[in-house]
Structure formats: C-alpha cells, structure tokens
C-alpha cells in the first residue's frame, strides 16, 4: 500500500495559507492607502527683488484655486503661499506664479535655481500686472540666454486644456488698448514658462472690490487660470 507524503501535503497547505494571508495584507494596505488624502496642489507666488510689488493682490491665488476646486477634479489647497527663488522650496511646487508692477531682479544664484526648476519639470506662469514687461524679458533672458519669448498661437493646447478659448487670451483688465498676448519659453520642446501680456488675468482673480472688474471678466480670468494650471500639471 502506497504511503501518503504528509510532509509534502502539509507544506503545500502552509504555503497556501501564507499566500492567502499575504493577499489579505496587501488588500488591507491598499484600502488604507486609498483612504489617505492625496497630496493637494498649491500655487506659490514668487518673491523677487528689484522693487516690484511681487506681493500684490494676495487673494488672487486663493480665489483661483477655489474656482478650480469647484470646476475640476483636481485636488487643490486654496491658500496663499510665497517662495523665494533662492530657496530649494521652489521644488515643492509644480507651478510658480510671478506678477507685479515695475522692476524685477534675479541674482545669479536665483537664475541657476530657476533654470534647474524649469528644466526638471517645473512651470512658471508670469502675468504682467502693468510695467513688468521690460524687466521680465531681461531677467528671463538670463535664465534661458539662447531663447526669446515666442508668441503662443491660438491653436496651442493651453487655450483648450479645460475651457475653450478659440480666440486666444481674453482681455481681462484694460491698460493700453493693446491686444492681449501670450508668450512662452521652452525646454526640450515643453513649454515651461507662460507669460501673459496686456490681459492681466490675475487682476480678475482678486476679490471683486479690488479692481471692480465685471463678473463676466472675472469668470474669464478664472477659466484661463484654470487652463494654465491644468496645462502645467499635465505637460
């Protein structure tokens, strides 16, 4: 009579129990992970030297992020935060925002850090609040000496990333009766800097009584701001 190999049977049973326990453990870990809050997106204001009011309208980013939270599935944290270009903290943010009136000045160390940020997946949005154009073109030339700002055509994906702007940038805040324009700088074919001129969307993000922009203009400003953030996060 053939004897059963009980040791072999018990070993198989032992392995199966271990596999089942491992599956249960993995399922539990995944369930806990799924219940954890996902990292939220923040928009950091760039603090720069030179005399320009980098700090103006601090309600703008908060209001924009609230709009984005209400109109997209993006997990955002609607708070006001600023970051110094000389700090490694810039690498904590997928998107930086720079605005103001007047002069901007980047130190050599800030130029190197900003270049590294942009070349490693970061995105910078610049909005000319009026009088910033000459300074920002000069300073960004330090960051990318081989490039000049190029105008972004209406067919570019940033104008349809979430809301549709078939005619390009909306005119949110009037300054010099000039047409609004969007310009870009690139790294390895990726637009890593977007610069808005003669449109001033960030004025429309501010609290309603800050600039008295009509509701329809403010809505357009929030929508193009949403597109900019969506584009930055997905490209």
Protein backbone atom coordinates (compact mmCIF):
# COMPACT_ATOMS: atom_id res chain seq x y z
CA UNK A 1 0.00 0.00 0.00
CA UNK A 2 1.39 3.41 -1.03
CA UNK A 3 2.04 5.77 1.85
CA UNK A 4 0.94 9.41 1.60
CA UNK A 5 3.62 12.03 1.83
CA UNK A 6 2.07 14.01 4.70
CA UNK A 7 5.07 16.30 4.90
CA UNK A 8 4.52 17.36 1.28
CA UNK A 9 0.78 17.88 1.83
CA UNK A 10 1.37 19.92 4.97
CA UNK A 11 4.00 22.03 3.20
CA UNK A 12 1.57 22.84 0.37
CA UNK A 13 -1.09 23.77 2.90
CA UNK A 14 1.40 26.00 4.72
CA UNK A 15 2.34 27.82 1.51
CA UNK A 16 -1.30 28.35 0.54
CA UNK A 17 -2.09 29.83 3.94
CA UNK A 18 0.87 32.20 3.61
CA UNK A 19 -0.29 33.31 0.16
CA UNK A 20 -3.82 33.93 1.42
CA UNK A 21 -2.51 35.94 4.37
CA UNK A 22 -0.29 37.95 2.03
CA UNK A 23 -3.23 38.72 -0.26
CA UNK A 24 -5.32 39.85 2.73
CA UNK A 25 -2.45 42.01 3.98
CA UNK A 26 -1.95 43.64 0.56
CA UNK A 27 -5.67 44.32 0.24
CA UNK A 28 -5.69 45.95 3.68
CA UNK A 29 -2.70 48.14 2.81
CA UNK A 30 -4.31 49.22 -0.45
CA UNK A 31 -7.56 50.03 1.33
CA UNK A 32 -5.73 52.18 3.89
CA UNK A 33 -3.76 53.91 1.12
CA UNK A 34 -6.94 54.64 -0.82
CA UNK A 35 -8.43 56.29 2.26
CA UNK A 36 -5.42 58.59 2.71
CA UNK A 37 -5.84 62.16 1.43
CA UNK A 38 -3.99 62.69 -1.83
CA UNK A 39 -1.35 65.40 -1.98
CA UNK A 40 -3.02 68.69 -2.84
CA UNK A 41 -1.74 71.17 -5.40
CA UNK A 42 -0.64 74.58 -4.21
CA UNK A 43 0.28 77.63 -6.26
CA UNK A 44 3.32 79.52 -4.95
CA UNK A 45 3.85 83.24 -5.50
CA UNK A 46 7.43 84.13 -6.49
CA UNK A 47 9.14 86.63 -4.20
CA UNK A 48 11.73 88.63 -6.13
CA UNK A 49 13.93 91.66 -5.55
CA UNK A 50 14.28 94.80 -7.65
CA UNK A 51 11.45 96.90 -6.27
CA UNK A 52 8.41 95.38 -7.97
CA UNK A 53 5.34 94.61 -5.84
CA UNK A 54 5.51 90.82 -6.10
CA UNK A 55 3.06 90.60 -3.17
CA UNK A 56 0.09 92.50 -4.62
CA UNK A 57 -3.46 91.04 -4.60
CA UNK A 58 -2.75 88.05 -2.30
CA UNK A 59 -6.41 86.97 -2.59
CA UNK A 60 -5.90 86.09 -6.26
CA UNK A 61 -4.39 82.62 -5.96
CA UNK A 62 -6.83 81.65 -3.19
CA UNK A 63 -9.85 82.61 -5.29
CA UNK A 64 -8.46 80.89 -8.38
CA UNK A 65 -7.80 77.64 -6.54
CA UNK A 66 -11.31 77.72 -5.05
CA UNK A 67 -12.71 78.07 -8.57
CA UNK A 68 -10.55 75.18 -9.77
CA UNK A 69 -11.72 73.01 -6.87
CA UNK A 70 -15.35 73.73 -7.77
CA UNK A 71 -14.97 73.19 -11.51
CA UNK A 72 -12.46 70.34 -11.86
CA UNK A 73 -11.46 67.11 -10.14
CA UNK A 74 -8.02 68.49 -9.24
CA UNK A 75 -7.22 68.31 -5.55
CA UNK A 76 -6.03 71.83 -4.70
CA UNK A 77 -5.30 73.65 -1.46
CA UNK A 78 -6.63 77.25 -1.74
CA UNK A 79 -4.08 79.02 0.41
CA UNK A 80 -1.69 81.90 -0.21
CA UNK A 81 1.96 80.89 -0.14
CA UNK A 82 5.06 82.62 -1.44
CA UNK A 83 8.51 81.25 -2.15
CA UNK A 84 11.93 82.81 -2.53
CA UNK A 85 13.78 81.76 -5.67
CA UNK A 86 16.94 81.32 -3.63
CA UNK A 87 15.25 78.56 -1.63
CA UNK A 88 15.03 74.88 -2.51
CA UNK A 89 11.35 75.16 -1.57
CA UNK A 90 10.55 76.08 -5.16
CA UNK A 91 10.94 72.38 -5.97
CA UNK A 92 7.96 71.58 -3.72
CA UNK A 93 5.58 73.24 -6.18
CA UNK A 94 4.63 72.09 -9.69
CA UNK A 95 3.65 75.65 -10.62
CA UNK A 96 5.07 79.05 -9.67
CA UNK A 97 3.32 82.38 -10.25
CA UNK A 98 5.06 85.72 -10.74
CA UNK A 99 3.38 89.09 -11.12
CA UNK A 100 3.67 92.75 -10.16
CA UNK A 101 4.39 96.22 -11.50
CA UNK A 102 7.83 97.55 -12.33
CA UNK A 103 11.30 96.15 -11.83
CA UNK A 104 12.42 92.56 -11.31
CA UNK A 105 15.92 91.43 -10.49
CA UNK A 106 17.24 87.86 -10.26
CA UNK A 107 20.59 87.15 -8.63
CA UNK A 108 22.96 84.69 -10.30
CA UNK A 109 22.02 82.05 -7.72
CA UNK A 110 18.29 82.62 -8.37
CA UNK A 111 18.85 82.33 -12.12
CA UNK A 112 20.60 78.97 -11.68
CA UNK A 113 17.93 77.65 -9.33
CA UNK A 114 15.03 78.79 -11.52
CA UNK A 115 16.67 77.25 -14.59
CA UNK A 116 17.12 73.95 -12.75
CA UNK A 117 13.48 74.07 -11.61
CA UNK A 118 12.18 74.66 -15.13
CA UNK A 119 14.47 72.09 -16.74
CA UNK A 120 13.32 69.44 -14.29
CA UNK A 121 9.59 69.64 -14.88
CA UNK A 122 8.62 72.88 -13.15
CA UNK A 123 6.34 75.51 -14.69
CA UNK A 124 6.36 79.29 -14.27
CA UNK A 125 3.36 81.49 -15.06
CA UNK A 126 4.11 85.21 -15.35
CA UNK A 127 1.37 87.85 -15.55
CA UNK A 128 2.31 91.43 -16.41
CA UNK A 129 0.26 93.50 -13.99
CA UNK A 130 1.48 96.58 -15.93
CA UNK A 131 5.01 97.85 -16.32
CA UNK A 132 6.65 94.47 -15.83
CA UNK A 133 7.38 93.65 -19.47
CA UNK A 134 10.85 95.13 -19.97
CA UNK A 135 12.22 93.78 -16.70
CA UNK A 136 10.81 90.29 -17.06
CA UNK A 137 12.11 89.88 -20.60
CA UNK A 138 15.56 90.98 -19.43
CA UNK A 139 15.61 88.66 -16.42
CA UNK A 140 14.23 85.60 -18.21
CA UNK A 141 16.93 86.09 -20.83
CA UNK A 142 19.37 85.33 -18.01
CA UNK A 143 17.54 82.07 -17.33
CA UNK A 144 17.42 80.97 -20.98
CA UNK A 145 20.08 83.05 -22.82
CA UNK A 146 19.55 81.14 -26.06
CA UNK A 147 15.83 81.99 -26.25
CA UNK A 148 13.50 84.91 -26.74
CA UNK A 149 9.83 84.79 -25.79
CA UNK A 150 7.74 83.45 -28.68
CA UNK A 151 4.07 84.22 -29.10
CA UNK A 152 1.84 81.21 -28.46
CA UNK A 153 -0.68 80.63 -31.29
CA UNK A 154 -4.40 80.30 -30.57
CA UNK A 155 -4.21 76.65 -31.64
CA UNK A 156 -1.94 75.78 -28.71
CA UNK A 157 -3.34 73.34 -26.17
CA UNK A 158 -3.13 75.77 -23.27
CA UNK A 159 -6.12 77.60 -24.76
CA UNK A 160 -8.25 74.44 -24.69
CA UNK A 161 -6.76 72.49 -21.75
CA UNK A 162 -10.08 72.63 -19.89
CA UNK A 163 -12.12 75.60 -21.07
CA UNK A 164 -12.15 76.63 -24.74
CA UNK A 165 -10.56 79.90 -25.83
CA UNK A 166 -10.52 79.63 -29.65
CA UNK A 167 -9.52 83.28 -30.00
CA UNK A 168 -6.67 83.14 -27.53
CA UNK A 169 -6.37 85.13 -24.32
CA UNK A 170 -9.32 87.16 -23.05
CA UNK A 171 -8.85 90.84 -22.30
CA UNK A 172 -9.49 90.92 -18.55
CA UNK A 173 -8.09 94.28 -17.45
CA UNK A 174 -7.57 97.24 -19.76
CA UNK A 175 -4.27 99.12 -19.78
CA UNK A 176 -3.10 100.44 -23.14
CA UNK A 177 -5.82 99.34 -25.59
CA UNK A 178 -3.41 96.71 -26.94
CA UNK A 179 -4.37 93.18 -27.91
CA UNK A 180 -3.71 90.54 -25.24
CA UNK A 181 -0.80 88.21 -25.98
CA UNK A 182 0.60 85.00 -24.54
CA UNK A 183 4.29 84.17 -24.83
CA UNK A 184 6.30 81.09 -23.98
CA UNK A 185 9.75 79.73 -23.26
CA UNK A 186 10.61 76.08 -23.82
CA UNK A 187 12.86 73.29 -22.63
CA UNK A 188 13.21 70.12 -24.74
CA UNK A 189 10.05 71.06 -26.62
CA UNK A 190 7.97 71.55 -23.46
CA UNK A 191 6.59 74.99 -22.70
CA UNK A 192 7.88 75.64 -19.19
CA UNK A 193 7.15 79.38 -18.97
CA UNK A 194 3.91 81.08 -19.97
CA UNK A 195 3.78 84.87 -19.94
CA UNK A 196 0.59 86.90 -20.37
CA UNK A 197 0.83 90.50 -21.57
CA UNK A 198 -1.87 93.19 -21.86
CA UNK A 199 -4.57 90.90 -20.44
CA UNK A 200 -3.85 90.65 -16.68
CA UNK A 201 -5.93 87.60 -15.67
CA UNK A 202 -4.61 87.75 -12.11
CA UNK A 203 -6.40 91.07 -11.55
CA UNK A 204 -9.63 89.20 -12.23
CA UNK A 205 -8.74 86.56 -9.63
CA UNK A 206 -8.58 89.15 -6.84
CA UNK A 207 -11.55 89.89 -4.62
CA UNK A 208 -14.38 91.66 -6.52
CA UNK A 209 -13.81 95.04 -4.89
CA UNK A 210 -10.07 95.09 -5.65
CA UNK A 211 -10.29 96.24 -9.28
CA UNK A 212 -14.04 96.42 -9.97
CA UNK A 213 -13.75 94.04 -12.91
CA UNK A 214 -17.23 92.95 -14.09
CA UNK A 215 -18.35 89.40 -13.23
CA UNK A 216 -18.06 88.17 -16.82
CA UNK A 217 -14.43 89.33 -17.00
CA UNK A 218 -13.63 87.69 -13.67
CA UNK A 219 -15.14 84.43 -14.87
CA UNK A 220 -12.94 84.53 -17.98
CA UNK A 221 -9.91 85.19 -15.78
CA UNK A 222 -10.69 82.15 -13.63
CA UNK A 223 -11.23 79.98 -16.68
CA UNK A 224 -7.93 80.90 -18.34
CA UNK A 225 -6.22 80.50 -14.98
CA UNK A 226 -7.69 77.01 -14.76
CA UNK A 227 -6.34 76.20 -18.20
CA UNK A 228 -2.87 77.36 -17.21
CA UNK A 229 -2.82 75.17 -14.11
CA UNK A 230 -4.24 72.15 -15.94
CA UNK A 231 -1.65 72.54 -18.68
CA UNK A 232 1.18 72.87 -16.18
CA UNK A 233 0.09 69.72 -14.32
CA UNK A 234 -0.43 67.58 -17.41
CA UNK A 235 2.59 68.57 -19.53
